[in-house]
Amino acid sequence: AANMVRAIRAVSVERGHDPREFSLMAFGGAGPLHAVDVARALDMREVIIPLSPGILCAQGLVVSDLKEDFVASARIVATDAGMETVATEIAALRQQAAGWFAAEEISDDRRDLMLSLDMRYVGQNFELSVPVDAEATSFPAADIKARFFEAHEMNYGYFSPDDPVEIVNFRLTAVGRLPRPDPAALTDSDRTPTPVGQRAVYFDAEAPVVTALYERDDLQPGMRIAGPAVIDQLDSTTLVFPGDTARVDGARNLIIELAG
């Protein structure tokens, strides 16, 4: 758990984000077992556990849209003349994307394009990704530079409007949106779930606590469980600490509310 806390601090506190303003989502086979400990160490107050945490990544892979990236590289200074070359490069990428859409048999109404330019000041070693309109056919230098200045100020706190700017990569992402089945309609239940058994569980080093056991498949939207509780399912186990409360939302996620 300590390693998990350090990892979360690295992507939150060290980047200027307060983890107390976020909910912690736990997935993987072991994630729901350790989530409350991790959240409490970070002073977070809510943990979200999806319906099938142990197979969440595999499930996401199956239902994710198709995506292909097309990239061209060339150092071009962002002047009006240079942007004409940029437009030519992007047009060539669009042709490649059109071929991919056709090969994947993606209908016109399910096609999306996203375009970005990797830009930097001339002489810099690192680029910033600057999103631009994927449907545009012309790219005025003043507009593109203004977008870069905005990105530079957001990342570094300043920008230099008089220094020359260059583009080094053109990135076009083609997305084929897949049809998804509508989730089954669920109605809230106000009944209290019935434990399937009980078990002695150590929540600290002092003494075990007699803890109710529940089956995740038995839990319906609207149900609430007061900790301590163990919630079993095929792909994971969720631990609800004494004083905490778990509720089931409309998508059958478990929302664990940590005691203050």
C-alpha atoms as a PDB file:
ATOM      1  CA  ALA A   1       0.000   0.000   0.000  1.00  0.00           C
ATOM      2  CA  ALA A   2       2.877   2.374   0.758  1.00  0.00           C
ATOM      3  CA  ASN A   3       4.175   1.983  -2.787  1.00  0.00           C
ATOM      4  CA  MET A   4       0.714   2.751  -4.162  1.00  0.00           C
ATOM      5  CA  VAL A   5       0.512   5.900  -2.035  1.00  0.00           C
ATOM      6  CA  ARG A   6       3.902   7.080  -3.300  1.00  0.00           C
ATOM      7  CA  ALA A   7       2.859   6.419  -6.896  1.00  0.00           C
ATOM      8  CA  ILE A   8      -0.344   8.438  -6.486  1.00  0.00           C
ATOM      9  CA  ARG A   9       1.529  11.284  -4.838  1.00  0.00           C
ATOM     10  CA  ALA A  10       3.905  11.347  -7.818  1.00  0.00           C
ATOM     11  CA  VAL A  11       1.048  11.954 -10.265  1.00  0.00           C
ATOM     12  CA  SER A  12      -1.010  14.238  -8.013  1.00  0.00           C
ATOM     13  CA  VAL A  13       0.742  16.254  -5.309  1.00  0.00           C
ATOM     14  CA  GLU A  14       3.997  16.514  -7.279  1.00  0.00           C
ATOM     15  CA  ARG A  15       2.007  17.892 -10.230  1.00  0.00           C
ATOM     16  CA  GLY A  16       0.063  20.416  -8.218  1.00  0.00           C
ATOM     17  CA  HIS A  17      -3.137  18.378  -7.709  1.00  0.00           C
ATOM     18  CA  ASP A  18      -4.706  17.812  -4.302  1.00  0.00           C
ATOM     19  CA  PRO A  19      -5.789  14.145  -4.061  1.00  0.00           C
ATOM     20  CA  ARG A  20      -8.415  15.133  -1.475  1.00  0.00           C
ATOM     21  CA  GLU A  21     -10.379  16.726  -4.311  1.00  0.00           C
ATOM     22  CA  PHE A  22     -10.584  13.423  -6.210  1.00  0.00           C
ATOM     23  CA  SER A  23     -12.146   9.992  -5.836  1.00  0.00           C
ATOM     24  CA  LEU A  24      -9.912   6.932  -5.996  1.00  0.00           C
ATOM     25  CA  MET A  25     -10.895   4.314  -8.582  1.00  0.00           C
ATOM     26  CA  ALA A  26      -9.708   0.812  -7.738  1.00  0.00           C
ATOM     27  CA  PHE A  27      -9.377  -1.927 -10.335  1.00  0.00           C
ATOM     28  CA  GLY A  28      -7.390  -5.063 -10.946  1.00  0.00           C
ATOM     29  CA  GLY A  29      -7.748  -8.185  -8.879  1.00  0.00           C
ATOM     30  CA  ALA A  30      -6.053  -6.734  -5.778  1.00  0.00           C
ATOM     31  CA  GLY A  31      -6.943  -3.047  -6.130  1.00  0.00           C
ATOM     32  CA  PRO A  32     -10.268  -3.145  -4.239  1.00  0.00           C
ATOM     33  CA  LEU A  33      -8.612  -4.978  -1.347  1.00  0.00           C
ATOM     34  CA  HIS A  34      -6.090  -2.170  -0.727  1.00  0.00           C
ATOM     35  CA  ALA A  35      -8.047   0.852  -1.975  1.00  0.00           C
ATOM     36  CA  VAL A  36      -9.448   2.107   1.331  1.00  0.00           C
ATOM     37  CA  ASP A  37      -6.045   1.965   3.045  1.00  0.00           C
ATOM     38  CA  VAL A  38      -4.532   3.942   0.168  1.00  0.00           C
ATOM     39  CA  ALA A  39      -7.350   6.495   0.083  1.00  0.00           C
ATOM     40  CA  ARG A  40      -7.207   7.052   3.833  1.00  0.00           C
ATOM     41  CA  ALA A  41      -3.442   7.616   3.704  1.00  0.00           C
ATOM     42  CA  LEU A  42      -4.065  10.350   1.132  1.00  0.00           C
ATOM     43  CA  ASP A  43      -7.016  11.877   3.074  1.00  0.00           C
ATOM     44  CA  MET A  44      -9.372  10.954   0.237  1.00  0.00           C
ATOM     45  CA  ARG A  45     -12.996  10.354   1.125  1.00  0.00           C
ATOM     46  CA  GLU A  46     -14.426   8.243  -1.696  1.00  0.00           C
ATOM     47  CA  VAL A  47     -13.413   5.033  -3.455  1.00  0.00           C
ATOM     48  CA  ILE A  48     -15.083   3.821  -6.658  1.00  0.00           C
ATOM     49  CA  ILE A  49     -14.949   0.145  -7.585  1.00  0.00           C
ATOM     50  CA  PRO A  50     -16.391  -0.819 -10.992  1.00  0.00           C
ATOM     51  CA  LEU A  51     -18.570  -3.857 -11.513  1.00  0.00           C
ATOM     52  CA  SER A  52     -15.777  -6.127 -12.780  1.00  0.00           C
ATOM     53  CA  PRO A  53     -12.515  -4.627 -11.482  1.00  0.00           C
ATOM     54  CA  GLY A  54     -10.388  -7.692 -12.171  1.00  0.00           C
ATOM     55  CA  ILE A  55     -11.110  -7.636 -15.905  1.00  0.00           C
ATOM     56  CA  LEU A  56     -11.639  -3.893 -16.359  1.00  0.00           C
ATOM     57  CA  CYS A  57      -8.607  -3.419 -18.637  1.00  0.00           C
ATOM     58  CA  ALA A  58      -9.503  -6.399 -20.823  1.00  0.00           C
ATOM     59  CA  GLN A  59     -13.113  -5.253 -20.987  1.00  0.00           C
ATOM     60  CA  GLY A  60     -12.003  -1.774 -21.998  1.00  0.00           C
ATOM     61  CA  LEU A  61      -9.844  -3.202 -24.771  1.00  0.00           C
ATOM     62  CA  VAL A  62     -12.789  -5.122 -26.202  1.00  0.00           C
ATOM     63  CA  VAL A  63     -15.184  -2.142 -26.274  1.00  0.00           C
ATOM     64  CA  SER A  64     -12.702   0.606 -27.173  1.00  0.00           C
ATOM     65  CA  ASP A  65     -13.013   2.412 -30.461  1.00  0.00           C
ATOM     66  CA  LEU A  66     -10.587   1.568 -33.243  1.00  0.00           C
ATOM     67  CA  LYS A  67      -7.739   4.060 -33.491  1.00  0.00           C
ATOM     68  CA  GLU A  68      -4.767   4.574 -35.775  1.00  0.00           C
ATOM     69  CA  ASP A  69      -2.085   7.287 -35.594  1.00  0.00           C
ATOM     70  CA  PHE A  70      -0.453   8.808 -38.666  1.00  0.00           C
ATOM     71  CA  VAL A  71       2.694  10.868 -38.111  1.00  0.00           C
ATOM     72  CA  ALA A  72       4.965  12.892 -40.383  1.00  0.00           C
ATOM     73  CA  SER A  73       8.113  14.718 -39.297  1.00  0.00           C
ATOM     74  CA  ALA A  74       9.674  17.856 -40.745  1.00  0.00           C
ATOM     75  CA  ARG A  75      11.170  20.991 -39.200  1.00  0.00           C
ATOM     76  CA  ILE A  76       9.099  23.894 -40.512  1.00  0.00           C
ATOM     77  CA  VAL A  77       9.184  27.410 -39.091  1.00  0.00           C
ATOM     78  CA  ALA A  78       5.685  28.748 -38.381  1.00  0.00           C
ATOM     79  CA  THR A  79       5.481  31.441 -41.051  1.00  0.00           C
ATOM     80  CA  ASP A  80       2.734  31.873 -43.625  1.00  0.00           C
ATOM     81  CA  ALA A  81       4.951  30.237 -46.248  1.00  0.00           C
ATOM     82  CA  GLY A  82       5.887  27.426 -43.892  1.00  0.00           C
ATOM     83  CA  MET A  83       2.272  26.749 -43.018  1.00  0.00           C
ATOM     84  CA  GLU A  84       1.497  26.097 -46.681  1.00  0.00           C
ATOM     85  CA  THR A  85       3.949  23.186 -46.474  1.00  0.00           C
ATOM     86  CA  VAL A  86       2.294  22.088 -43.249  1.00  0.00           C
ATOM     87  CA  ALA A  87      -1.096  22.017 -44.996  1.00  0.00           C
ATOM     88  CA  THR A  88       0.377  19.803 -47.732  1.00  0.00           C
ATOM     89  CA  GLU A  89       1.823  17.381 -45.149  1.00  0.00           C
ATOM     90  CA  ILE A  90      -1.487  17.183 -43.306  1.00  0.00           C
ATOM     91  CA  ALA A  91      -3.401  16.573 -46.530  1.00  0.00           C
ATOM     92  CA  ALA A  92      -1.145  13.571 -47.184  1.00  0.00           C
ATOM     93  CA  LEU A  93      -1.908  12.235 -43.689  1.00  0.00           C
ATOM     94  CA  ARG A  94      -5.629  12.627 -44.360  1.00  0.00           C
ATOM     95  CA  GLN A  95      -5.246  10.481 -47.457  1.00  0.00           C
ATOM     96  CA  GLN A  96      -3.597   7.763 -45.378  1.00  0.00           C
ATOM     97  CA  ALA A  97      -6.385   7.996 -42.814  1.00  0.00           C
ATOM     98  CA  ALA A  98      -9.026   7.697 -45.536  1.00  0.00           C
ATOM     99  CA  GLY A  99      -7.363   4.506 -46.747  1.00  0.00           C
ATOM    100  CA  TRP A 100      -7.359   3.108 -43.210  1.00  0.00           C
ATOM    101  CA  PHE A 101     -11.046   3.937 -42.721  1.00  0.00           C
ATOM    102  CA  ALA A 102     -11.867   2.142 -45.964  1.00  0.00           C
ATOM    103  CA  ALA A 103      -9.749  -0.915 -45.096  1.00  0.00           C
ATOM    104  CA  GLU A 104     -11.432  -1.174 -41.665  1.00  0.00           C
ATOM    105  CA  GLU A 105     -14.876  -0.719 -43.263  1.00  0.00           C
ATOM    106  CA  ILE A 106     -15.766   2.172 -40.976  1.00  0.00           C
ATOM    107  CA  SER A 107     -18.817   4.074 -42.226  1.00  0.00           C
ATOM    108  CA  ASP A 108     -18.653   7.848 -42.677  1.00  0.00           C
ATOM    109  CA  ASP A 109     -20.914   8.527 -39.696  1.00  0.00           C
ATOM    110  CA  ARG A 110     -18.537   6.694 -37.355  1.00  0.00           C
ATOM    111  CA  ARG A 111     -15.317   8.442 -38.424  1.00  0.00           C
ATOM    112  CA  ASP A 112     -13.476  11.029 -36.331  1.00  0.00           C
ATOM    113  CA  LEU A 113     -10.164  12.794 -36.885  1.00  0.00           C
ATOM    114  CA  MET A 114      -7.954  14.508 -34.299  1.00  0.00           C
ATOM    115  CA  LEU A 115      -4.995  16.636 -35.328  1.00  0.00           C
ATOM    116  CA  SER A 116      -2.107  18.036 -33.311  1.00  0.00           C
ATOM    117  CA  LEU A 117       1.252  19.645 -34.057  1.00  0.00           C
ATOM    118  CA  ASP A 118       4.407  19.117 -32.008  1.00  0.00           C
ATOM    119  CA  MET A 119       5.797  22.637 -31.670  1.00  0.00           C
ATOM    120  CA  ARG A 120       8.695  24.362 -29.944  1.00  0.00           C
ATOM    121  CA  TYR A 121      10.709  27.539 -30.003  1.00  0.00           C
ATOM    122  CA  VAL A 122      13.591  27.270 -32.465  1.00  0.00           C
ATOM    123  CA  GLY A 123      16.529  25.874 -30.492  1.00  0.00           C
ATOM    124  CA  GLN A 124      14.456  24.183 -27.777  1.00  0.00           C
ATOM    125  CA  ASN A 125      14.962  20.476 -27.050  1.00  0.00           C
ATOM    126  CA  PHE A 126      11.377  19.653 -26.075  1.00  0.00           C
ATOM    127  CA  GLU A 127       8.099  20.039 -27.935  1.00  0.00           C
ATOM    128  CA  LEU A 128       4.547  20.764 -26.842  1.00  0.00           C
ATOM    129  CA  SER A 129       1.568  19.055 -28.431  1.00  0.00           C
ATOM    130  CA  VAL A 130      -0.773  21.708 -29.807  1.00  0.00           C
ATOM    131  CA  PRO A 131      -4.264  20.556 -30.892  1.00  0.00           C
ATOM    132  CA  VAL A 132      -5.693  22.143 -34.032  1.00  0.00           C
ATOM    133  CA  ASP A 133      -8.900  21.802 -36.032  1.00  0.00           C
ATOM    134  CA  ALA A 134      -8.750  18.463 -37.865  1.00  0.00           C
ATOM    135  CA  GLU A 135     -11.216  19.717 -40.500  1.00  0.00           C
ATOM    136  CA  ALA A 136      -9.213  22.819 -41.403  1.00  0.00           C
ATOM    137  CA  THR A 137      -7.696  23.117 -44.884  1.00  0.00           C
ATOM    138  CA  SER A 138      -5.519  26.142 -44.134  1.00  0.00           C
ATOM    139  CA  PHE A 139      -3.447  26.958 -41.078  1.00  0.00           C
ATOM    140  CA  PRO A 140      -2.675  30.678 -40.624  1.00  0.00           C
ATOM    141  CA  ALA A 141       0.676  31.125 -38.919  1.00  0.00           C
ATOM    142  CA  ALA A 142      -0.666  33.728 -36.465  1.00  0.00           C
ATOM    143  CA  ASP A 143      -3.406  31.371 -35.272  1.00  0.00           C
ATOM    144  CA  ILE A 144      -1.079  28.389 -34.899  1.00  0.00           C
ATOM    145  CA  LYS A 145       1.512  30.425 -33.014  1.00  0.00           C
ATOM    146  CA  ALA A 146      -1.186  31.813 -30.694  1.00  0.00           C
ATOM    147  CA  ARG A 147      -2.190  28.235 -29.854  1.00  0.00           C
ATOM    148  CA  PHE A 148       1.432  27.388 -29.117  1.00  0.00           C
ATOM    149  CA  PHE A 149       1.868  30.470 -26.905  1.00  0.00           C
ATOM    150  CA  GLU A 150      -1.217  29.443 -24.915  1.00  0.00           C
ATOM    151  CA  ALA A 151       0.141  25.922 -24.438  1.00  0.00           C
ATOM    152  CA  HIS A 152       3.588  27.232 -23.485  1.00  0.00           C
ATOM    153  CA  GLU A 153       2.156  29.615 -20.896  1.00  0.00           C
ATOM    154  CA  MET A 154      -0.013  26.830 -19.439  1.00  0.00           C
ATOM    155  CA  ASN A 155       2.979  24.500 -19.097  1.00  0.00           C
ATOM    156  CA  TYR A 156       5.770  26.913 -18.187  1.00  0.00           C
ATOM    157  CA  GLY A 157       4.034  30.079 -16.986  1.00  0.00           C
ATOM    158  CA  TYR A 158       5.262  32.363 -19.769  1.00  0.00           C
ATOM    159  CA  PHE A 159       5.695  32.727 -23.530  1.00  0.00           C
ATOM    160  CA  SER A 160       7.851  34.874 -25.825  1.00  0.00           C
ATOM    161  CA  PRO A 161       5.763  36.253 -28.722  1.00  0.00           C
ATOM    162  CA  ASP A 162       8.750  37.545 -30.710  1.00  0.00           C
ATOM    163  CA  ASP A 163      10.822  34.339 -30.776  1.00  0.00           C
ATOM    164  CA  PRO A 164      10.566  32.067 -33.851  1.00  0.00           C
ATOM    165  CA  VAL A 165       8.471  28.910 -33.503  1.00  0.00           C
ATOM    166  CA  GLU A 166       8.784  25.682 -35.459  1.00  0.00           C
ATOM    167  CA  ILE A 167       6.735  22.547 -36.068  1.00  0.00           C
ATOM    168  CA  VAL A 168       8.575  19.235 -35.944  1.00  0.00           C
ATOM    169  CA  ASN A 169       5.789  16.613 -36.119  1.00  0.00           C
ATOM    170  CA  PHE A 170       2.281  16.402 -37.540  1.00  0.00           C
ATOM    171  CA  ARG A 171       0.002  13.898 -35.814  1.00  0.00           C
ATOM    172  CA  LEU A 172      -3.329  12.816 -37.222  1.00  0.00           C
ATOM    173  CA  THR A 173      -5.364  10.302 -35.226  1.00  0.00           C
ATOM    174  CA  ALA A 174      -8.159   8.451 -37.007  1.00  0.00           C
ATOM    175  CA  VAL A 175     -10.907   7.034 -34.766  1.00  0.00           C
ATOM    176  CA  GLY A 176     -13.517   4.512 -35.825  1.00  0.00           C
ATOM    177  CA  ARG A 177     -16.344   4.610 -33.293  1.00  0.00           C
ATOM    178  CA  LEU A 178     -17.772   1.173 -32.603  1.00  0.00           C
ATOM    179  CA  PRO A 179     -21.460   0.606 -31.775  1.00  0.00           C
ATOM    180  CA  ARG A 180     -22.030  -0.261 -28.144  1.00  0.00           C
ATOM    181  CA  PRO A 181     -24.993  -2.092 -26.647  1.00  0.00           C
ATOM    182  CA  ASP A 182     -27.153  -0.036 -24.317  1.00  0.00           C
ATOM    183  CA  PRO A 183     -26.693  -1.039 -20.671  1.00  0.00           C
ATOM    184  CA  ALA A 184     -29.537  -2.999 -19.156  1.00  0.00           C
ATOM    185  CA  ALA A 185     -32.096  -0.850 -17.367  1.00  0.00           C
ATOM    186  CA  LEU A 186     -31.782  -1.171 -13.595  1.00  0.00           C
ATOM    187  CA  THR A 187     -34.098  -0.014 -10.847  1.00  0.00           C
ATOM    188  CA  ASP A 188     -33.065   1.006  -7.361  1.00  0.00           C
ATOM    189  CA  SER A 189     -33.629  -1.404  -4.521  1.00  0.00           C
ATOM    190  CA  ASP A 190     -34.237  -0.161  -0.985  1.00  0.00           C
ATOM    191  CA  ARG A 191     -33.828  -3.541   0.630  1.00  0.00           C
ATOM    192  CA  THR A 192     -30.764  -4.403   2.695  1.00  0.00           C
ATOM    193  CA  PRO A 193     -28.559  -7.082   1.132  1.00  0.00           C
ATOM    194  CA  THR A 194     -28.356 -10.373   2.982  1.00  0.00           C
ATOM    195  CA  PRO A 195     -24.902 -11.591   4.086  1.00  0.00           C
ATOM    196  CA  VAL A 196     -23.882 -15.044   2.880  1.00  0.00           C
ATOM    197  CA  GLY A 197     -21.735 -15.665   5.938  1.00  0.00           C
ATOM    198  CA  GLN A 198     -19.212 -14.074   8.254  1.00  0.00           C
ATOM    199  CA  ARG A 199     -15.475 -14.160   8.805  1.00  0.00           C
ATOM    200  CA  ALA A 200     -12.974 -12.887  11.379  1.00  0.00           C
ATOM    201  CA  VAL A 201     -10.954 -10.122   9.729  1.00  0.00           C
ATOM    202  CA  TYR A 202      -7.947  -8.190  11.048  1.00  0.00           C
ATOM    203  CA  PHE A 203      -8.377  -4.508  10.158  1.00  0.00           C
ATOM    204  CA  ASP A 204      -5.482  -3.652  12.472  1.00  0.00           C
ATOM    205  CA  ALA A 205      -3.031  -5.536  14.647  1.00  0.00           C
ATOM    206  CA  GLU A 206      -5.165  -5.462  17.780  1.00  0.00           C
ATOM    207  CA  ALA A 207      -7.834  -8.107  17.295  1.00  0.00           C
ATOM    208  CA  PRO A 208     -10.003  -9.615  14.562  1.00  0.00           C
ATOM    209  CA  VAL A 209     -13.482  -8.265  13.887  1.00  0.00           C
ATOM    210  CA  VAL A 210     -16.416 -10.498  13.000  1.00  0.00           C
ATOM    211  CA  THR A 211     -17.230  -9.303   9.493  1.00  0.00           C
ATOM    212  CA  ALA A 212     -20.231  -9.960   7.255  1.00  0.00           C
ATOM    213  CA  LEU A 213     -19.599 -11.498   3.830  1.00  0.00           C
ATOM    214  CA  TYR A 214     -21.555 -10.481   0.731  1.00  0.00           C
ATOM    215  CA  GLU A 215     -21.633 -11.658  -2.870  1.00  0.00           C
ATOM    216  CA  ARG A 216     -21.151  -8.839  -5.376  1.00  0.00           C
ATOM    217  CA  ASP A 217     -23.677 -10.420  -7.756  1.00  0.00           C
ATOM    218  CA  ASP A 218     -26.384  -9.991  -5.088  1.00  0.00           C
ATOM    219  CA  LEU A 219     -25.911  -6.233  -4.847  1.00  0.00           C
ATOM    220  CA  GLN A 220     -28.358  -4.014  -6.735  1.00  0.00           C
ATOM    221  CA  PRO A 221     -28.431  -0.233  -7.292  1.00  0.00           C
ATOM    222  CA  GLY A 222     -29.572   1.644  -4.207  1.00  0.00           C
ATOM    223  CA  MET A 223     -28.352  -0.934  -1.700  1.00  0.00           C
ATOM    224  CA  ARG A 224     -26.067   0.166   1.140  1.00  0.00           C
ATOM    225  CA  ILE A 225     -23.701  -1.855   3.324  1.00  0.00           C
ATOM    226  CA  ALA A 226     -22.233  -0.627   6.588  1.00  0.00           C
ATOM    227  CA  GLY A 227     -18.668  -1.692   7.327  1.00  0.00           C
ATOM    228  CA  PRO A 228     -17.047  -3.880   8.319  1.00  0.00           C
ATOM    229  CA  ALA A 229     -17.771  -6.025   5.291  1.00  0.00           C
ATOM    230  CA  VAL A 230     -16.087  -8.269   2.769  1.00  0.00           C
ATOM    231  CA  ILE A 231     -17.607  -8.333  -0.721  1.00  0.00           C
ATOM    232  CA  ASP A 232     -16.572 -11.344  -2.786  1.00  0.00           C
ATOM    233  CA  GLN A 233     -16.755 -11.789  -6.533  1.00  0.00           C
ATOM    234  CA  LEU A 234     -15.099 -14.000  -9.112  1.00  0.00           C
ATOM    235  CA  ASP A 235     -12.396 -11.532 -10.163  1.00  0.00           C
ATOM    236  CA  SER A 236     -11.701  -9.573  -6.961  1.00  0.00           C
ATOM    237  CA  THR A 237     -12.454  -8.954  -3.287  1.00  0.00           C
ATOM    238  CA  THR A 238     -13.522  -5.640  -1.769  1.00  0.00           C
ATOM    239  CA  LEU A 239     -12.866  -4.709   1.838  1.00  0.00           C
ATOM    240  CA  VAL A 240     -15.096  -2.175   3.627  1.00  0.00           C
ATOM    241  CA  PHE A 241     -13.566  -0.968   6.884  1.00  0.00           C
ATOM    242  CA  PRO A 242     -15.471  -0.435  10.143  1.00  0.00           C
ATOM    243  CA  GLY A 243     -17.220   2.933  10.105  1.00  0.00           C
ATOM    244  CA  ASP A 244     -17.165   3.197   6.316  1.00  0.00           C
ATOM    245  CA  THR A 245     -20.205   2.716   4.103  1.00  0.00           C
ATOM    246  CA  ALA A 246     -20.561   1.116   0.666  1.00  0.00           C
ATOM    247  CA  ARG A 247     -23.420   1.910  -1.676  1.00  0.00           C
ATOM    248  CA  VAL A 248     -24.290   0.676  -5.151  1.00  0.00           C
ATOM    249  CA  ASP A 249     -24.926   3.305  -7.831  1.00  0.00           C
ATOM    250  CA  GLY A 250     -27.023   3.059 -10.994  1.00  0.00           C
ATOM    251  CA  ALA A 251     -24.208   1.444 -12.979  1.00  0.00           C
ATOM    252  CA  ARG A 252     -23.598  -1.094 -10.174  1.00  0.00           C
ATOM    253  CA  ASN A 253     -20.333   0.541  -9.165  1.00  0.00           C
ATOM    254  CA  LEU A 254     -19.497   0.230  -5.482  1.00  0.00           C
ATOM    255  CA  ILE A 255     -19.002   3.661  -3.926  1.00  0.00           C
ATOM    256  CA  ILE A 256     -17.199   3.424  -0.587  1.00  0.00           C
ATOM    257  CA  GLU A 257     -17.623   6.510   1.582  1.00  0.00           C
ATOM    258  CA  LEU A 258     -14.831   6.796   4.141  1.00  0.00           C
ATOM    259  CA  ALA A 259     -15.620   7.941   7.658  1.00  0.00           C
ATOM    260  CA  GLY A 260     -14.189  11.347   8.554  1.00  0.00           C
END
